[in-house]
Amino acid sequence: MTTITEQPSVHRNLESKKIEEITSLINIENAAVATAIDDALPQINMLIYAIVDKLKRGGRMFYLGAGSGGRLSVLDVIELPTTFGIEKGIIKTVLAGGIEHLVEAREEMEDNFNEGWERLTNEKVTIRDIVVGISASGTTPFVLGAMETCRNNKITTGCIVSNPDSPIAANADYPVEVITGPEFITGSTRMKCGTAQKMIFDIISTTVMIQLGRVEDNQMVNVRLINKKITDRAVKMLMGRTGIASYYEAKKLLLKYGSVKKAIDHLK
């Protein structure tokens, strides 16, 4: 396979450049990310269809990753129960080295070919679930080993990779190949690859939640009332959607039922 993510940067002698030139060049490189994602949208859409189908049937979704991509998926996953009111555990990340070591960046664990499947086994993964591998290179042993074993056990798989024709993509039922090209600093896939991964996580989780009915119109009607800012936003949302004129009455109703969605359902 061609490892585009490891090819030399087209930018030379970075240490001799001024701050203004460096930031401009990085921003120019970042502008290419959205185009790469646009090219991969048909693949992303197919993966989302598969995720929605699994979740509607009572299954779960697992991101499986290491390094920057794995850590970015953790950040996406932890937002979902609050933003969309879903039960914790429906969408999870299985991270090389364990989420408990998230801030330690235990990069050496990505070379363990068997750990990914062992961690999935601990999560009691079944054929009702879908596993999405994350790997810029498309070759990460932690991800690849688990993907191969998932396929052998007829567990549906997807992936997000940044190189064409990778072994991880070959083991995915729904591969997503987002080719962002050589990095600004050679091999530093925390840059364009990481940016693409973050954008794709946003696309996947937001679209999936909309398809599962967790959004109405363009509003987070299932948002959990975890602080004053969110509660105030939810009260105003409830007032706007129901015509309740009194902030006090709307807040009282909201706090009684716990979400805008449940309060509206009660009124209906």
Protein backbone atom coordinates (compact mmCIF):
# COMPACT_ATOMS: atom_id res chain seq x y z
CA MET A 1 0.00 0.00 0.00
CA THR A 2 1.02 3.63 -0.48
CA THR A 3 1.50 5.39 2.85
CA ILE A 4 0.67 8.95 1.86
CA THR A 5 0.56 10.12 5.47
CA GLU A 6 4.30 9.37 5.82
CA GLN A 7 5.42 11.11 2.65
CA PRO A 8 7.67 14.18 3.09
CA SER A 9 6.03 17.52 3.68
CA VAL A 10 6.06 19.86 0.70
CA HIS A 11 7.14 22.64 3.07
CA ARG A 12 10.87 22.92 3.73
CA ASN A 13 13.10 24.73 6.21
CA LEU A 14 10.23 25.45 8.60
CA GLU A 15 12.61 26.60 11.31
CA SER A 16 13.65 29.57 9.14
CA LYS A 17 10.10 30.84 8.55
CA LYS A 18 8.34 33.66 10.39
CA ILE A 19 5.29 33.06 12.54
CA GLU A 20 2.99 34.72 10.00
CA GLU A 21 4.23 32.44 7.22
CA ILE A 22 3.93 29.27 9.30
CA THR A 23 0.36 29.97 10.41
CA SER A 24 -0.68 30.87 6.88
CA LEU A 25 0.79 27.68 5.44
CA ILE A 26 -0.84 25.50 8.12
CA ASN A 27 -4.19 27.13 7.41
CA ILE A 28 -3.78 26.51 3.68
CA GLU A 29 -3.11 22.83 4.39
CA ASN A 30 -6.15 22.64 6.70
CA ALA A 31 -8.36 24.03 3.94
CA ALA A 32 -7.76 20.80 2.01
CA VAL A 33 -9.37 18.71 4.77
CA ALA A 34 -12.96 19.65 3.96
CA THR A 35 -12.40 18.77 0.30
CA ALA A 36 -11.03 15.35 1.26
CA ILE A 37 -14.06 14.73 3.46
CA ASP A 38 -16.38 15.82 0.67
CA ASP A 39 -14.80 13.19 -1.59
CA ALA A 40 -15.41 10.56 1.10
CA LEU A 41 -19.02 11.53 1.90
CA PRO A 42 -20.55 8.58 -0.02
CA GLN A 43 -18.51 6.20 2.15
CA ILE A 44 -19.34 8.15 5.32
CA ASN A 45 -23.05 8.03 4.45
CA MET A 46 -22.99 4.26 4.03
CA LEU A 47 -21.27 3.88 7.39
CA ILE A 48 -23.88 6.10 9.06
CA TYR A 49 -26.72 4.03 7.57
CA ALA A 50 -25.14 0.93 9.10
CA ILE A 51 -24.66 2.60 12.51
CA VAL A 52 -28.25 3.86 12.61
CA ASP A 53 -29.57 0.41 11.70
CA LYS A 54 -27.57 -1.25 14.48
CA LEU A 55 -28.58 1.28 17.13
CA LYS A 56 -32.26 1.15 16.16
CA ARG A 57 -32.11 -2.62 16.64
CA GLY A 58 -30.72 -2.23 20.16
CA GLY A 59 -27.05 -2.65 19.31
CA ARG A 60 -24.09 -0.49 20.25
CA MET A 61 -21.34 1.33 18.37
CA PHE A 62 -17.69 1.07 19.35
CA TYR A 63 -14.93 3.35 18.15
CA LEU A 64 -11.66 1.42 18.25
CA GLY A 65 -8.50 3.47 18.14
CA ALA A 66 -5.14 4.61 19.37
CA GLY A 67 -3.15 7.85 19.33
CA SER A 68 -4.71 11.16 18.34
CA GLY A 69 -7.66 9.61 16.50
CA GLY A 70 -8.61 7.38 19.41
CA ARG A 71 -8.38 10.24 21.89
CA LEU A 72 -10.46 12.51 19.66
CA SER A 73 -13.18 9.87 19.48
CA VAL A 74 -13.29 9.80 23.29
CA LEU A 75 -13.98 13.54 23.32
CA ASP A 76 -16.86 13.05 20.87
CA VAL A 77 -18.38 10.13 22.77
CA ILE A 78 -18.39 11.78 26.20
CA GLU A 79 -20.45 14.70 24.85
CA LEU A 80 -23.31 12.60 23.51
CA PRO A 81 -25.25 11.66 26.67
CA THR A 82 -25.44 15.32 27.74
CA THR A 83 -26.11 16.84 24.31
CA PHE A 84 -28.61 14.26 23.09
CA GLY A 85 -29.79 12.56 26.27
CA ILE A 86 -28.82 9.06 25.16
CA GLU A 87 -27.94 6.34 27.62
CA LYS A 88 -24.24 6.05 28.40
CA GLY A 89 -22.65 3.03 26.76
CA ILE A 90 -24.66 3.02 23.54
CA ILE A 91 -21.68 4.64 21.81
CA LYS A 92 -18.28 3.94 23.35
CA THR A 93 -14.57 4.15 22.59
CA VAL A 94 -12.18 1.27 23.07
CA LEU A 95 -8.79 2.98 23.38
CA ALA A 96 -5.35 1.40 23.24
CA GLY A 97 -4.03 1.48 26.79
CA GLY A 98 -7.50 2.19 28.16
CA ILE A 99 -9.51 5.40 28.53
CA GLU A 100 -8.30 5.59 32.13
CA HIS A 101 -4.87 6.42 30.65
CA LEU A 102 -6.21 8.95 28.14
CA VAL A 103 -3.95 11.83 29.18
CA GLU A 104 -0.83 9.67 29.32
CA ALA A 105 -0.71 9.10 25.53
CA ARG A 106 0.50 5.50 25.85
CA GLU A 107 1.45 5.26 22.18
CA GLU A 108 3.35 1.99 22.67
CA MET A 109 0.07 0.16 23.29
CA GLU A 110 -1.03 0.62 19.68
CA ASP A 111 1.47 -2.08 18.67
CA ASN A 112 -0.35 -4.77 20.66
CA PHE A 113 -2.14 -6.85 18.02
CA ASN A 114 -4.36 -8.71 20.50
CA GLU A 115 -5.36 -5.98 22.97
CA GLY A 116 -8.09 -4.44 20.81
CA TRP A 117 -10.09 -7.66 20.62
CA GLU A 118 -9.45 -8.38 24.32
CA ARG A 119 -10.94 -5.00 25.23
CA LEU A 120 -13.91 -5.55 22.93
CA THR A 121 -14.44 -8.94 24.55
CA ASN A 122 -14.47 -7.25 27.96
CA GLU A 123 -17.24 -5.02 26.60
CA LYS A 124 -19.15 -8.18 25.57
CA VAL A 125 -19.27 -7.15 21.91
CA THR A 126 -21.74 -9.17 19.81
CA ILE A 127 -23.06 -9.36 16.25
CA ARG A 128 -25.72 -6.82 17.25
CA ASP A 129 -22.98 -4.17 17.51
CA ILE A 130 -20.80 -2.29 15.03
CA VAL A 131 -17.09 -1.58 15.50
CA VAL A 132 -15.45 1.39 13.75
CA GLY A 133 -11.66 1.30 13.61
CA ILE A 134 -9.71 4.56 13.59
CA SER A 135 -6.21 4.67 12.13
CA ALA A 136 -4.49 7.36 10.11
CA SER A 137 -2.03 4.85 8.67
CA GLY A 138 -4.60 2.11 8.17
CA THR A 139 -2.12 -0.38 9.66
CA THR A 140 -2.26 0.14 13.47
CA PRO A 141 -1.88 -3.38 14.99
CA PHE A 142 -4.25 -2.64 17.92
CA VAL A 143 -7.00 -1.79 15.44
CA LEU A 144 -6.11 -4.29 12.72
CA GLY A 145 -6.04 -7.30 15.05
CA ALA A 146 -9.47 -6.50 16.43
CA MET A 147 -10.92 -5.79 12.99
CA GLU A 148 -9.74 -9.14 11.66
CA THR A 149 -11.22 -10.97 14.63
CA CYS A 150 -14.49 -9.03 14.35
CA ARG A 151 -14.79 -10.11 10.73
CA ASN A 152 -14.09 -13.74 11.68
CA ASN A 153 -16.89 -13.47 14.26
CA LYS A 154 -19.32 -11.85 11.80
CA ILE A 155 -19.35 -8.55 13.71
CA THR A 156 -20.08 -5.58 11.44
CA THR A 157 -17.14 -3.22 11.02
CA GLY A 158 -16.34 0.20 9.61
CA CYS A 159 -13.20 2.27 9.63
CA ILE A 160 -11.80 5.76 9.19
CA VAL A 161 -8.34 5.78 7.62
CA SER A 162 -6.18 8.29 5.74
CA ASN A 163 -4.34 6.04 3.31
CA PRO A 164 -5.75 4.12 0.32
CA ASP A 165 -5.89 0.33 0.11
CA SER A 166 -4.95 -0.28 3.74
CA PRO A 167 -5.31 -3.64 5.55
CA ILE A 168 -7.73 -2.08 8.06
CA ALA A 169 -9.99 -0.88 5.25
CA ALA A 170 -9.78 -4.36 3.70
CA ASN A 171 -11.24 -5.75 6.93
CA ALA A 172 -14.06 -3.21 7.12
CA ASP A 173 -17.57 -3.73 5.80
CA TYR A 174 -17.94 0.05 5.59
CA PRO A 175 -14.51 1.61 4.96
CA VAL A 176 -14.06 5.38 4.95
CA GLU A 177 -10.83 6.54 3.29
CA VAL A 178 -10.17 10.26 3.75
CA ILE A 179 -6.97 11.07 1.87
CA THR A 180 -5.65 14.32 3.31
CA GLY A 181 -2.15 13.99 1.85
CA PRO A 182 1.29 14.53 3.43
CA GLU A 183 1.27 16.45 6.70
CA PHE A 184 2.69 19.96 7.24
CA ILE A 185 5.30 18.36 9.49
CA THR A 186 6.24 15.03 7.94
CA GLY A 187 4.32 12.17 9.54
CA SER A 188 2.58 14.32 12.19
CA THR A 189 -0.90 12.88 11.71
CA ARG A 190 -2.24 14.83 14.68
CA MET A 191 -2.58 17.67 12.16
CA LYS A 192 -4.63 17.19 8.96
CA CYS A 193 -5.55 13.58 9.70
CA GLY A 194 -6.60 14.52 13.22
CA THR A 195 -8.61 17.48 11.95
CA ALA A 196 -10.38 15.23 9.42
CA GLN A 197 -11.12 12.63 12.09
CA LYS A 198 -12.64 15.24 14.43
CA MET A 199 -14.83 16.60 11.63
CA ILE A 200 -15.97 13.10 10.68
CA PHE A 201 -16.81 12.22 14.28
CA ASP A 202 -18.99 15.34 14.41
CA ILE A 203 -20.68 14.38 11.15
CA ILE A 204 -21.32 10.80 12.25
CA SER A 205 -22.57 11.45 15.78
CA THR A 206 -24.74 14.44 14.86
CA THR A 207 -26.35 12.70 11.88
CA VAL A 208 -26.91 9.49 13.85
CA MET A 209 -28.56 11.37 16.71
CA ILE A 210 -30.85 13.24 14.31
CA GLN A 211 -31.82 9.95 12.68
CA LEU A 212 -32.58 8.47 16.10
CA GLY A 213 -34.99 11.30 16.87
CA ARG A 214 -32.81 13.02 19.45
CA VAL A 215 -33.13 16.40 17.64
CA GLU A 216 -36.30 18.24 16.62
CA ASP A 217 -36.13 21.03 14.06
CA ASN A 218 -32.58 22.19 14.84
CA GLN A 219 -32.77 21.95 18.62
CA MET A 220 -31.35 19.71 21.34
CA VAL A 221 -34.72 18.82 22.87
CA ASN A 222 -33.19 15.94 24.86
CA VAL A 223 -30.28 17.89 26.33
CA ARG A 224 -29.55 17.02 29.96
CA LEU A 225 -29.90 19.84 32.46
CA ILE A 226 -26.41 19.67 33.93
CA ASN A 227 -25.78 23.38 34.63
CA LYS A 228 -27.40 26.80 34.71
CA LYS A 229 -26.44 27.74 31.14
CA ILE A 230 -27.97 24.62 29.62
CA THR A 231 -31.05 24.84 31.83
CA ASP A 232 -31.62 28.47 30.81
CA ARG A 233 -31.26 27.50 27.15
CA ALA A 234 -33.71 24.64 27.61
CA VAL A 235 -36.27 26.86 29.36
CA LYS A 236 -36.19 29.34 26.48
CA MET A 237 -36.42 26.46 24.02
CA LEU A 238 -39.50 25.14 25.80
CA MET A 239 -41.10 28.59 25.83
CA GLY A 240 -40.46 29.01 22.12
CA ARG A 241 -41.82 25.59 21.19
CA THR A 242 -44.95 25.70 23.37
CA GLY A 243 -45.92 29.36 23.64
CA ILE A 244 -45.58 29.34 27.44
CA ALA A 245 -45.09 33.00 28.30
CA SER A 246 -43.82 32.65 31.85
CA TYR A 247 -40.14 31.79 32.30
CA TYR A 248 -40.96 30.56 35.83
CA GLU A 249 -43.73 28.24 34.65
CA ALA A 250 -41.63 26.88 31.80
CA LYS A 251 -38.70 26.19 34.13
CA LYS A 252 -40.98 24.52 36.65
CA LEU A 253 -42.36 22.22 33.96
CA LEU A 254 -38.89 21.52 32.57
CA LEU A 255 -37.42 20.57 35.92
CA LYS A 256 -40.38 18.33 36.66
CA TYR A 257 -39.97 16.26 33.50
CA GLY A 258 -36.21 16.58 32.98
CA SER A 259 -36.06 17.55 29.31
CA VAL A 260 -37.74 19.74 26.73
CA LYS A 261 -38.91 16.66 24.85
CA LYS A 262 -40.58 15.06 27.87
CA ALA A 263 -42.18 18.35 28.93
CA ILE A 264 -43.68 18.82 25.45
CA ASP A 265 -44.88 15.22 25.34
CA HIS A 266 -46.65 15.82 28.67
CA LEU A 267 -48.39 18.91 27.33
CA LYS A 268 -49.54 16.99 24.27
